[in-house]
Amino acid sequence: MTIRDNRTILALILTALAIVVPCAAWYLVGSREAERQVSDITEAAHQAAHDTAERLADQLTVRLNTLRETESRRPFYHYQPFFRDPRGTTLMPSPLAAPPGDPLVQVYFQADGESGRITIPAANVEAQQQVDPQAASQRDSLRYLQRELERGLASILFAVRGESRPQQGGTSSSQNQPVVVGSLKWRTLYVTGQPALIALREITTPEGSLLQGFLISSAGVADLFRASNLPAHFMSGKAINDLQAVVGTGDEPWRVTIDSRDALVGATRQAQDLRRGFLVIFMGGAAIALLCGLGVVWLVWQTERLARQRVQFAASAAHELRTPLAGLRIFSDMLAEGLGDPAKSRDYARRVSDEAGRLGRVVSNVLGFTRLERGTFTMHPAPGDLAAAVRESVERQKAALAALGANIELTTEPALPPVRFDNDALGQIVQNLLDNAEKHTRNAVDRTIRISLASRTNDVELSVCDHGPGVPAHVRKHLFEAFSRGNHADSPAGLGLGLVLVKALAKAQGAGVAYRDNAGGGACFTVTFIE
């Protein structure tokens, strides 16, 4: 059989192509689009982090430069704990003893240009000497910071001295000697083991040189960054990637670094959700297409199966009709022409009657199946004597079955309860079960067919048992399907409609049909009528 001859295989191949090709194209295009969107999401998160770094670096640069310009105009003597107003003789405390007015300034300090010893105005005012636990704690912190600044300044002291010539400015000393104030420059030194940014200037006085400046507060910078939607850090060093931005601190390299791990994790999760969403939609669409394709193939297979069954039915019906018709023609011709033994005329007439009955059963089954297909069964079940009805049906067929070599034994329990049944349908059930038993016992040694009626708890069972080969296990699941006659090479001819009609007729009366192996070998069919 070629593929063209088997429409199911051809439909399967075409359907597979119709599903696989579009789904493959959909997957390729959809996966590329999903990956593009994933790339866009990741790039957007990365770009947002880069933009945030640049924005914060610009903001901090403006703030630091503004602060440096403002502090550059501060008189040098403000860094002393007490000073005399140049316009008078009053001794005044340093305004730097109070907390810094700018949150970016942590502390102001002044250092001796030779020794590097540092004084902090806020730590050397008598007001700080009051016995106040909070003030004492603050004073201790400032003194600790003073020592750390001295250590850090010692490492850059020689580089700072004489780096640039200070410009003359400010005011003159009491000895009318000029005081030269240098410009503030950004410097990096280590305070408490961490890099810190300071603004430092050199002051030249008759008594010697001084270094003045202020320390940038890391807490103040953190407050400036707090409005950002991404964590940011102010760190020393040059920018090494696009998530870092340079802060304008002159020759001292400082940068803003963005911690984008959480944002990238969120972008990755969003990308995974996007991929997963595409796969779910794709798998759902592919599954629906596959189910539709399988449905089409199943319909083609059903159509092909029905076509084969119709061909098989036509062949079986032709055989079933031709055999009794041939017998009818032969024996009717013998009777009409006076052929054969005149003494056997009654036998010839009996044979004509048997073949006509056989032909009638075939036609009855075909008509019954046709009604079953059209759904035009009309049943009128009513309470009655089931034993009498079965006995009558058996008597009608006993002679014909005896002529074919089958022996029928009928046993009934006394006083069976009345059950509801349709008399005509019951006759067809008994006829088909007996005919089925006779066909399958033609090669059996014991051709006895036993019919029994027995009462159960709430029903009555009609059993028809034989001593034939029985029904193989692999055939039982198709036993009550149309045109199913097993696959034995020696299976008797038939249309495969008898058991189908038995089940349909029984069901229409509210009864059930079941098969079991006969205890002595063979098949046993049971019809259960409910009280």
Protein backbone atom coordinates (compact mmCIF):
# COMPACT_ATOMS: atom_id res chain seq x y z
CA MET A 1 0.00 0.00 0.00
CA THR A 2 1.47 3.35 -1.05
CA ILE A 3 1.09 6.62 0.80
CA ARG A 4 -1.37 7.82 -1.77
CA ASP A 5 -3.53 4.73 -1.12
CA ASN A 6 -3.52 5.33 2.65
CA ARG A 7 -5.18 8.69 3.17
CA THR A 8 -4.57 8.62 6.93
CA ILE A 9 -0.79 8.51 6.50
CA LEU A 10 -0.96 11.19 3.83
CA ALA A 11 -3.16 13.36 6.07
CA LEU A 12 -0.75 12.78 8.97
CA ILE A 13 2.25 13.91 6.89
CA LEU A 14 0.47 16.97 5.49
CA THR A 15 -0.90 17.93 8.91
CA ALA A 16 2.55 17.52 10.48
CA LEU A 17 4.02 19.81 7.84
CA ALA A 18 1.17 22.29 8.33
CA ILE A 19 1.90 22.37 12.07
CA VAL A 20 5.69 22.06 12.21
CA VAL A 21 6.58 24.65 9.54
CA PRO A 22 4.43 27.53 10.94
CA CYS A 23 5.34 26.65 14.53
CA ALA A 24 9.05 26.57 13.68
CA ALA A 25 8.78 29.93 11.94
CA TRP A 26 6.76 31.31 14.85
CA TYR A 27 9.34 30.04 17.34
CA LEU A 28 12.27 31.51 15.41
CA VAL A 29 10.63 34.89 14.92
CA GLY A 30 9.10 34.98 18.41
CA SER A 31 12.29 33.88 20.16
CA ARG A 32 14.31 36.51 18.30
CA GLU A 33 11.78 39.18 19.22
CA ALA A 34 11.80 37.99 22.84
CA GLU A 35 15.60 38.08 22.92
CA ARG A 36 15.53 41.57 21.39
CA GLN A 37 13.14 42.73 24.11
CA VAL A 38 15.30 41.02 26.74
CA SER A 39 18.34 42.85 25.35
CA ASP A 40 16.39 46.12 25.40
CA ILE A 41 15.35 45.57 29.02
CA THR A 42 18.92 44.76 30.10
CA GLU A 43 20.34 47.66 28.11
CA ALA A 44 17.72 50.02 29.53
CA ALA A 45 18.64 49.00 33.08
CA HIS A 46 22.33 49.45 32.27
CA GLN A 47 21.71 52.80 30.59
CA ALA A 48 19.63 53.99 33.54
CA ALA A 49 22.49 53.15 35.89
CA HIS A 50 24.95 54.99 33.61
CA ASP A 51 22.69 58.06 33.39
CA THR A 52 22.24 58.05 37.15
CA ALA A 53 26.02 57.97 37.65
CA GLU A 54 26.51 60.88 35.25
CA ARG A 55 23.70 62.91 36.82
CA LEU A 56 24.95 62.40 40.37
CA ALA A 57 28.52 63.14 39.35
CA ASP A 58 27.40 66.41 37.73
CA GLN A 59 25.36 67.38 40.78
CA LEU A 60 28.21 66.61 43.14
CA THR A 61 30.73 68.47 40.94
CA VAL A 62 28.58 71.59 41.02
CA ARG A 63 28.10 71.33 44.78
CA LEU A 64 31.81 70.76 45.48
CA ASN A 65 32.98 73.56 43.22
CA THR A 66 30.41 75.95 44.66
CA LEU A 67 31.53 74.98 48.15
CA ARG A 68 35.20 75.50 47.26
CA GLU A 69 34.51 78.93 45.75
CA THR A 70 32.54 79.96 48.83
CA GLU A 71 35.18 78.73 51.26
CA SER A 72 37.95 80.34 49.21
CA ARG A 73 36.57 83.74 50.29
CA ARG A 74 36.71 82.82 53.97
CA PRO A 75 39.40 84.83 55.89
CA PHE A 76 42.33 82.74 57.05
CA TYR A 77 42.00 83.83 60.69
CA HIS A 78 38.59 82.12 60.99
CA TYR A 79 40.54 78.87 61.35
CA GLN A 80 41.99 80.05 64.67
CA PRO A 81 39.99 79.24 67.85
CA PHE A 82 39.91 82.97 68.71
CA PHE A 83 40.83 85.97 66.62
CA ARG A 84 40.73 89.77 66.77
CA ASP A 85 38.45 91.52 64.38
CA PRO A 86 40.69 93.50 61.96
CA ARG A 87 38.28 96.40 62.36
CA GLY A 88 38.59 96.38 66.14
CA THR A 89 40.36 94.93 69.13
CA THR A 90 37.65 92.59 70.35
CA LEU A 91 38.71 88.94 70.78
CA MET A 92 36.10 86.79 69.03
CA PRO A 93 35.56 83.00 68.88
CA SER A 94 35.97 81.35 65.50
CA PRO A 95 32.72 80.95 63.54
CA LEU A 96 34.06 77.52 62.57
CA ALA A 97 33.60 76.32 66.14
CA ALA A 98 29.91 75.88 65.42
CA PRO A 99 28.65 72.91 63.37
CA PRO A 100 29.36 73.41 59.64
CA GLY A 101 26.63 75.22 57.81
CA ASP A 102 27.05 73.06 54.69
CA PRO A 103 26.16 69.35 55.07
CA LEU A 104 29.04 68.43 52.73
CA VAL A 105 31.60 69.74 55.28
CA GLN A 106 32.45 67.36 58.09
CA VAL A 107 35.07 69.49 59.85
CA TYR A 108 37.37 72.50 59.33
CA PHE A 109 41.04 72.19 60.29
CA GLN A 110 44.36 74.08 60.28
CA ALA A 111 47.82 72.47 60.21
CA ASP A 112 51.30 73.73 60.87
CA GLY A 113 53.14 73.78 57.57
CA GLU A 114 56.33 72.34 59.06
CA SER A 115 55.22 69.81 61.66
CA GLY A 116 51.81 69.02 60.24
CA ARG A 117 50.22 69.32 63.64
CA ILE A 118 46.50 69.96 63.23
CA THR A 119 44.09 72.08 65.23
CA ILE A 120 40.34 71.91 64.78
CA PRO A 121 38.47 75.10 65.77
CA ALA A 122 35.43 73.12 66.91
CA ALA A 123 37.61 71.13 69.33
CA ASN A 124 39.52 74.02 70.91
CA VAL A 125 36.82 76.38 72.13
CA GLU A 126 36.23 76.76 75.84
CA ALA A 127 32.52 76.15 75.26
CA GLN A 128 33.45 72.61 74.39
CA GLN A 129 35.06 72.15 77.75
CA GLN A 130 31.72 72.14 79.56
CA VAL A 131 30.90 68.99 81.44
CA ASP A 132 28.25 67.68 79.09
CA PRO A 133 28.28 63.96 78.15
CA GLN A 134 27.18 64.68 74.60
CA ALA A 135 29.65 67.54 74.19
CA ALA A 136 32.41 65.42 75.71
CA SER A 137 31.65 62.58 73.30
CA GLN A 138 31.69 64.99 70.36
CA ARG A 139 34.99 66.47 71.58
CA ASP A 140 36.52 62.98 71.81
CA SER A 141 35.36 62.21 68.28
CA LEU A 142 36.90 65.44 66.98
CA ARG A 143 40.20 64.75 68.71
CA TYR A 144 40.25 61.25 67.26
CA LEU A 145 39.55 62.74 63.83
CA GLN A 146 42.31 65.30 64.49
CA ARG A 147 44.86 62.52 65.05
CA GLU A 148 43.72 60.68 61.93
CA LEU A 149 43.99 63.86 59.86
CA GLU A 150 47.54 64.42 61.15
CA ARG A 151 48.50 60.89 60.04
CA GLY A 152 46.90 61.31 56.64
CA LEU A 153 48.33 64.80 56.11
CA ALA A 154 51.84 63.62 56.97
CA SER A 155 51.86 61.48 53.81
CA ILE A 156 51.15 64.41 51.50
CA LEU A 157 52.80 67.26 53.46
CA PHE A 158 55.92 67.53 51.32
CA ALA A 159 53.94 67.34 48.09
CA VAL A 160 51.68 70.15 49.24
CA ARG A 161 54.46 72.52 50.37
CA GLY A 162 55.53 74.81 47.57
CA GLU A 163 53.34 73.11 44.98
CA SER A 164 52.06 76.46 43.80
CA ARG A 165 52.97 80.01 44.68
CA PRO A 166 50.27 81.50 46.88
CA GLN A 167 48.62 84.70 45.81
CA GLN A 168 48.77 87.72 48.12
CA GLY A 169 45.47 88.49 49.80
CA GLY A 170 43.60 88.52 53.05
CA THR A 171 44.89 91.02 55.63
CA SER A 172 48.21 91.85 57.31
CA SER A 173 49.56 90.70 60.63
CA SER A 174 49.99 92.81 63.66
CA GLN A 175 53.54 93.52 62.50
CA ASN A 176 52.18 94.78 59.16
CA GLN A 177 53.87 91.90 57.33
CA PRO A 178 51.97 90.57 54.33
CA VAL A 179 49.94 87.36 54.65
CA VAL A 180 49.65 85.39 51.44
CA VAL A 181 46.59 83.11 51.06
CA GLY A 182 46.73 80.31 48.50
CA SER A 183 43.81 78.87 46.60
CA LEU A 184 41.89 75.82 47.77
CA LYS A 185 42.72 72.64 45.94
CA TRP A 186 41.24 69.20 46.22
CA ARG A 187 43.40 66.55 47.87
CA THR A 188 42.98 62.90 48.76
CA LEU A 189 44.26 61.50 52.02
CA TYR A 190 43.46 58.50 54.16
CA VAL A 191 41.41 59.07 57.28
CA THR A 192 40.60 56.11 59.52
CA GLY A 193 42.05 53.86 56.85
CA GLN A 194 39.69 55.10 54.12
CA PRO A 195 40.33 57.64 51.34
CA ALA A 196 38.80 61.03 52.05
CA LEU A 197 38.46 64.18 49.99
CA ILE A 198 39.70 67.46 51.48
CA ALA A 199 40.04 71.00 50.20
CA LEU A 200 43.46 72.40 51.18
CA ARG A 201 45.21 75.79 50.83
CA GLU A 202 48.58 77.13 51.96
CA ILE A 203 48.85 80.32 54.06
CA THR A 204 52.19 82.16 54.25
CA THR A 205 52.65 84.31 57.38
CA PRO A 206 55.65 86.01 59.03
CA GLU A 207 55.61 83.24 61.61
CA GLY A 208 55.63 80.47 58.99
CA SER A 209 53.34 78.58 56.66
CA LEU A 210 49.97 77.10 57.54
CA LEU A 211 47.67 74.63 55.80
CA GLN A 212 43.94 75.24 56.05
CA GLY A 213 41.04 73.32 54.70
CA PHE A 214 37.98 71.22 55.35
CA LEU A 215 37.04 67.54 55.13
CA ILE A 216 34.17 66.41 52.88
CA SER A 217 31.55 64.50 54.85
CA SER A 218 30.73 61.04 53.49
CA ALA A 219 27.37 61.25 55.29
CA GLY A 220 26.61 64.53 53.52
CA VAL A 221 27.43 63.00 50.14
CA ALA A 222 25.24 60.00 50.99
CA ASP A 223 22.37 62.37 51.80
CA LEU A 224 22.88 64.05 48.44
CA PHE A 225 22.66 60.62 46.74
CA ARG A 226 19.63 59.54 48.76
CA ALA A 227 17.15 60.89 46.22
CA SER A 228 18.59 58.56 43.58
CA ASN A 229 16.60 55.43 42.73
CA LEU A 230 19.83 53.40 42.61
CA PRO A 231 22.46 52.95 45.35
CA ALA A 232 25.43 55.25 44.70
CA HIS A 233 28.86 55.59 46.34
CA PHE A 234 31.50 58.36 46.30
CA MET A 235 34.90 56.72 45.84
CA SER A 236 38.45 57.70 44.99
CA GLY A 237 40.07 56.66 41.75
CA LYS A 238 39.36 56.93 38.05
CA ALA A 239 36.20 55.66 36.39
CA ILE A 240 36.84 52.19 35.00
CA ASN A 241 33.45 51.38 33.41
CA ASP A 242 30.30 53.08 32.22
CA LEU A 243 28.58 52.60 35.58
CA GLN A 244 31.05 55.07 37.07
CA ALA A 245 31.27 58.81 36.39
CA VAL A 246 34.12 61.21 37.11
CA VAL A 247 33.58 64.01 39.62
CA GLY A 248 35.28 67.32 38.78
CA THR A 249 37.89 67.45 41.56
CA GLY A 250 40.82 68.62 39.45
CA ASP A 251 43.89 66.41 39.52
CA GLU A 252 42.47 64.27 42.30
CA PRO A 253 40.54 61.39 40.69
CA TRP A 254 37.19 60.77 42.38
CA ARG A 255 34.16 59.04 40.95
CA VAL A 256 30.54 58.18 41.54
CA THR A 257 29.90 54.44 41.39
CA ILE A 258 26.41 53.02 40.89
CA ASP A 259 25.52 49.69 42.46
CA SER A 260 23.21 48.31 39.78
CA ARG A 261 23.06 44.73 41.01
CA ASP A 262 19.49 44.96 42.27
CA ALA A 263 18.38 46.76 39.11
CA LEU A 264 20.09 44.18 36.91
CA VAL A 265 18.59 41.36 38.97
CA GLY A 266 15.16 42.92 38.45
CA ALA A 267 15.87 43.31 34.73
CA THR A 268 17.04 39.69 34.56
CA ARG A 269 13.90 38.54 36.33
CA GLN A 270 11.76 40.60 33.97
CA ALA A 271 13.67 39.11 31.02
CA GLN A 272 13.12 35.60 32.35
CA ASP A 273 9.42 36.34 32.75
CA LEU A 274 9.36 37.58 29.16
CA ARG A 275 11.06 34.42 27.87
CA ARG A 276 8.79 32.25 30.00
CA GLY A 277 5.71 34.11 28.78
CA PHE A 278 6.70 33.57 25.17
CA LEU A 279 7.37 29.89 25.76
CA VAL A 280 4.01 29.47 27.52
CA ILE A 281 2.17 31.16 24.65
CA PHE A 282 4.16 29.19 22.08
CA MET A 283 3.64 25.86 23.82
CA GLY A 284 -0.06 26.62 24.27
CA GLY A 285 -0.47 27.59 20.62
CA ALA A 286 1.57 24.58 19.46
CA ALA A 287 -0.48 22.27 21.69
CA ILE A 288 -3.75 23.66 20.29
CA ALA A 289 -2.43 23.30 16.74
CA LEU A 290 -1.31 19.75 17.52
CA LEU A 291 -4.71 18.85 18.97
CA CYS A 292 -6.45 20.33 15.93
CA GLY A 293 -4.08 18.44 13.65
CA LEU A 294 -4.67 15.20 15.52
CA GLY A 295 -8.40 15.86 15.28
CA VAL A 296 -8.13 16.22 11.51
CA VAL A 297 -6.06 13.03 11.26
CA TRP A 298 -8.53 11.24 13.52
CA LEU A 299 -11.44 12.34 11.32
CA VAL A 300 -9.60 11.11 8.22
CA TRP A 301 -8.81 7.84 9.98
CA GLN A 302 -12.44 7.48 11.04
CA THR A 303 -13.59 8.20 7.51
CA GLU A 304 -11.14 5.66 6.12
CA ARG A 305 -12.14 3.11 8.76
CA LEU A 306 -15.81 3.59 7.99
CA ALA A 307 -15.04 3.26 4.29
CA ARG A 308 -13.23 -0.02 4.94
CA GLN A 309 -16.09 -1.18 7.14
CA ARG A 310 -18.60 -0.34 4.40
CA VAL A 311 -16.54 -2.32 1.88
CA GLN A 312 -16.30 -5.18 4.35
CA PHE A 313 -19.99 -4.93 5.08
CA ALA A 314 -20.84 -4.96 1.38
CA ALA A 315 -18.69 -8.04 0.84
CA SER A 316 -20.10 -9.80 3.91
CA ALA A 317 -23.66 -8.83 3.04
CA ALA A 318 -23.19 -10.11 -0.50
CA HIS A 319 -21.90 -13.40 0.86
CA GLU A 320 -24.59 -13.68 3.51
CA LEU A 321 -27.31 -12.95 0.96
CA ARG A 322 -25.87 -15.04 -1.84
CA THR A 323 -25.67 -18.25 0.21
CA PRO A 324 -29.35 -18.42 1.24
CA LEU A 325 -30.43 -17.12 -2.17
CA ALA A 326 -28.45 -19.89 -3.85
CA GLY A 327 -30.10 -22.46 -1.59
CA LEU A 328 -33.51 -20.96 -2.25
CA ARG A 329 -32.96 -21.09 -5.98
CA ILE A 330 -31.69 -24.67 -6.02
CA PHE A 331 -34.39 -26.18 -3.83
CA SER A 332 -37.17 -24.07 -5.32
CA ASP A 333 -36.10 -25.17 -8.83
CA MET A 334 -36.03 -28.78 -7.70
CA LEU A 335 -39.55 -28.44 -6.36
CA ALA A 336 -40.78 -26.54 -9.39
CA GLU A 337 -39.21 -28.86 -11.96
CA GLY A 338 -39.83 -32.04 -10.04
CA LEU A 339 -36.14 -32.78 -9.83
CA GLY A 340 -34.48 -34.85 -7.21
CA ASP A 341 -36.18 -37.54 -5.13
CA PRO A 342 -39.94 -36.92 -4.96
CA ALA A 343 -39.94 -38.54 -1.51
CA LYS A 344 -37.73 -35.70 -0.23
CA SER A 345 -40.01 -32.92 -1.37
CA ARG A 346 -40.85 -32.10 2.24
CA ASP A 347 -37.12 -31.84 3.02
CA TYR A 348 -36.64 -29.57 0.01
CA ALA A 349 -39.48 -27.38 1.19
CA ARG A 350 -38.00 -27.32 4.70
CA ARG A 351 -34.65 -26.24 3.23
CA VAL A 352 -36.38 -23.48 1.31
CA SER A 353 -38.03 -22.35 4.53
CA ASP A 354 -34.71 -22.46 6.45
CA GLU A 355 -32.88 -20.47 3.81
CA ALA A 356 -35.70 -17.95 3.73
CA GLY A 357 -35.49 -17.64 7.52
CA ARG A 358 -31.74 -17.19 7.31
CA LEU A 359 -32.21 -14.53 4.65
CA GLY A 360 -34.81 -12.86 6.84
CA ARG A 361 -32.40 -12.72 9.78
CA VAL A 362 -29.75 -11.07 7.62
CA VAL A 363 -32.22 -8.50 6.37
CA SER A 364 -33.56 -7.95 9.88
CA ASN A 365 -30.08 -7.27 11.24
CA VAL A 366 -29.32 -4.84 8.43
CA LEU A 367 -32.58 -3.00 9.02
CA GLY A 368 -31.98 -2.99 12.75
CA PHE A 369 -28.50 -1.51 12.32
CA THR A 370 -29.91 1.10 9.96
CA ARG A 371 -32.46 2.10 12.58
CA LEU A 372 -29.68 2.16 15.18
CA GLU A 373 -27.61 4.50 13.00
CA ARG A 374 -30.57 6.78 12.42
CA GLY A 375 -31.60 6.67 16.09
CA THR A 376 -35.15 5.55 15.27
CA PHE A 377 -35.48 2.73 17.78
CA THR A 378 -38.98 2.54 19.25
CA MET A 379 -39.28 0.43 22.37
CA HIS A 380 -42.31 -0.32 24.47
CA PRO A 381 -41.01 -2.21 27.50
CA ALA A 382 -43.68 -3.47 29.86
CA PRO A 383 -43.78 -5.93 32.80
CA GLY A 384 -44.25 -9.50 31.64
CA ASP A 385 -43.32 -13.15 31.92
CA LEU A 386 -39.74 -13.23 30.67
CA ALA A 387 -39.48 -17.03 30.86
CA ALA A 388 -42.49 -17.53 28.58
CA ALA A 389 -41.23 -14.98 26.07
CA VAL A 390 -37.76 -16.59 25.94
CA ARG A 391 -39.28 -20.06 25.63
CA GLU A 392 -41.40 -18.89 22.71
CA SER A 393 -38.38 -17.35 20.93
CA VAL A 394 -36.34 -20.52 21.43
CA GLU A 395 -39.13 -22.72 20.06
CA ARG A 396 -39.28 -20.62 16.89
CA GLN A 397 -35.62 -21.25 16.17
CA LYS A 398 -35.11 -24.70 17.69
CA ALA A 399 -35.93 -26.65 14.53
CA ALA A 400 -33.70 -24.52 12.29
CA LEU A 401 -30.79 -24.75 14.72
CA ALA A 402 -31.31 -28.52 15.10
CA ALA A 403 -31.12 -28.87 11.32
CA LEU A 404 -27.73 -27.16 11.49
CA GLY A 405 -26.57 -29.61 14.17
CA ALA A 406 -26.96 -27.42 17.25
CA ASN A 407 -28.74 -28.66 20.34
CA ILE A 408 -30.52 -26.18 22.64
CA GLU A 409 -31.08 -26.67 26.37
CA LEU A 410 -33.31 -24.19 28.18
CA THR A 411 -33.43 -23.99 31.98
CA THR A 412 -35.40 -21.47 33.99
CA GLU A 413 -35.82 -20.96 37.69
CA PRO A 414 -39.36 -21.23 38.95
CA ALA A 415 -41.28 -18.14 40.00
CA LEU A 416 -39.10 -15.56 38.31
CA PRO A 417 -40.03 -11.98 39.24
CA PRO A 418 -41.68 -9.96 36.47
CA VAL A 419 -39.37 -7.60 34.60
CA ARG A 420 -39.91 -4.91 32.00
CA PHE A 421 -39.02 -5.88 28.41
CA ASP A 422 -40.13 -5.40 24.82
CA ASN A 423 -41.28 -8.70 23.33
CA ASP A 424 -40.13 -8.03 19.75
CA ALA A 425 -36.76 -6.73 20.91
CA LEU A 426 -36.36 -9.74 23.20
CA GLY A 427 -36.99 -12.04 20.23
CA GLN A 428 -34.26 -10.32 18.22
CA ILE A 429 -31.87 -10.56 21.19
CA VAL A 430 -32.44 -14.28 21.63
CA GLN A 431 -32.28 -14.88 17.87
CA ASN A 432 -28.94 -13.08 17.50
CA LEU A 433 -27.37 -14.73 20.54
CA LEU A 434 -28.43 -18.19 19.37
CA ASP A 435 -27.31 -17.50 15.81
CA ASN A 436 -23.95 -16.23 17.11
CA ALA A 437 -23.50 -19.34 19.30
CA GLU A 438 -24.38 -21.69 16.42
CA LYS A 439 -21.89 -20.05 14.04
CA HIS A 440 -18.99 -20.25 16.48
CA THR A 441 -19.59 -23.88 17.53
CA ARG A 442 -19.68 -25.48 14.08
CA ASN A 443 -16.26 -27.03 14.65
CA ALA A 444 -16.84 -27.85 18.32
CA VAL A 445 -17.28 -31.39 19.63
CA ASP A 446 -20.11 -30.36 21.92
CA ARG A 447 -22.57 -28.16 20.02
CA THR A 448 -24.96 -27.78 22.87
CA ILE A 449 -26.20 -24.23 23.46
CA ARG A 450 -27.46 -23.65 26.98
CA ILE A 451 -29.97 -20.92 27.73
CA SER A 452 -30.74 -20.15 31.33
CA LEU A 453 -32.87 -17.69 33.25
CA ALA A 454 -31.88 -17.01 36.85
CA SER A 455 -33.05 -14.53 39.45
CA ARG A 456 -30.54 -12.29 41.19
CA THR A 457 -30.98 -9.72 43.97
CA ASN A 458 -32.83 -7.08 41.95
CA ASP A 459 -32.76 -8.43 38.42
CA VAL A 460 -33.09 -11.46 36.16
CA GLU A 461 -30.21 -12.78 34.03
CA LEU A 462 -30.64 -14.35 30.62
CA SER A 463 -27.51 -16.35 29.74
CA VAL A 464 -26.61 -17.96 26.42
CA CYS A 465 -23.53 -20.19 26.70
CA ASP A 466 -21.76 -22.46 24.22
CA HIS A 467 -18.71 -24.72 24.06
CA GLY A 468 -16.94 -23.03 21.19
CA PRO A 469 -13.48 -21.43 21.15
CA GLY A 470 -14.57 -18.39 23.17
CA VAL A 471 -13.49 -14.82 22.53
CA PRO A 472 -9.76 -13.96 22.56
CA ALA A 473 -8.73 -11.29 25.09
CA HIS A 474 -7.59 -8.82 22.41
CA VAL A 475 -10.96 -9.01 20.64
CA ARG A 476 -13.16 -8.45 23.71
CA LYS A 477 -12.76 -4.67 23.79
CA HIS A 478 -14.23 -4.50 20.25
CA LEU A 479 -16.83 -7.21 20.85
CA PHE A 480 -19.86 -4.94 20.67
CA GLU A 481 -18.60 -2.69 17.86
CA ALA A 482 -20.16 -2.72 14.40
CA PHE A 483 -18.55 -5.04 11.81
CA SER A 484 -16.22 -6.53 14.42
CA ARG A 485 -15.91 -10.26 13.79
CA GLY A 486 -12.47 -11.05 15.21
CA ASN A 487 -9.40 -11.71 13.16
CA HIS A 488 -9.31 -15.52 13.01
CA ALA A 489 -8.75 -17.00 9.60
CA ASP A 490 -11.41 -19.59 10.37
CA SER A 491 -13.94 -17.10 11.77
CA PRO A 492 -17.44 -17.80 10.44
CA ALA A 493 -18.94 -15.49 7.88
CA GLY A 494 -21.23 -12.77 9.12
CA LEU A 495 -21.94 -9.06 9.08
CA GLY A 496 -20.66 -8.30 12.57
CA LEU A 497 -23.97 -6.66 13.51
CA GLY A 498 -25.60 -9.25 15.77
CA LEU A 499 -23.93 -8.33 19.06
CA VAL A 500 -24.20 -4.62 18.25
CA LEU A 501 -27.96 -4.99 17.93
CA VAL A 502 -28.12 -7.11 21.08
CA LYS A 503 -26.42 -4.40 23.11
CA ALA A 504 -28.50 -1.59 21.56
CA LEU A 505 -31.80 -3.44 22.05
CA ALA A 506 -30.93 -4.36 25.62
CA LYS A 507 -29.87 -0.80 26.47
CA ALA A 508 -33.10 0.60 25.01
CA GLN A 509 -35.00 -1.58 27.50
CA GLY A 510 -32.84 -0.57 30.45
CA ALA A 511 -30.96 -3.88 30.43
CA GLY A 512 -27.23 -4.55 30.23
CA VAL A 513 -25.11 -7.00 28.26
CA ALA A 514 -21.86 -8.59 29.40
CA TYR A 515 -19.49 -11.32 28.26
CA ARG A 516 -17.68 -13.95 30.32
CA ASP A 517 -15.83 -17.15 29.64
CA ASN A 518 -17.96 -20.28 30.03
CA ALA A 519 -16.92 -22.45 32.95
CA GLY A 520 -16.66 -25.51 30.69
CA GLY A 521 -14.95 -23.63 27.89
CA GLY A 522 -16.52 -21.38 25.30
CA ALA A 523 -18.40 -18.09 25.41
CA CYS A 524 -21.22 -16.94 27.63
CA PHE A 525 -23.29 -13.80 27.00
CA THR A 526 -25.49 -12.42 29.78
CA VAL A 527 -28.39 -10.00 29.40
CA THR A 528 -29.50 -8.51 32.74
CA PHE A 529 -33.11 -7.27 33.01
CA ILE A 530 -33.92 -5.01 35.96
CA GLU A 531 -37.07 -5.58 37.97
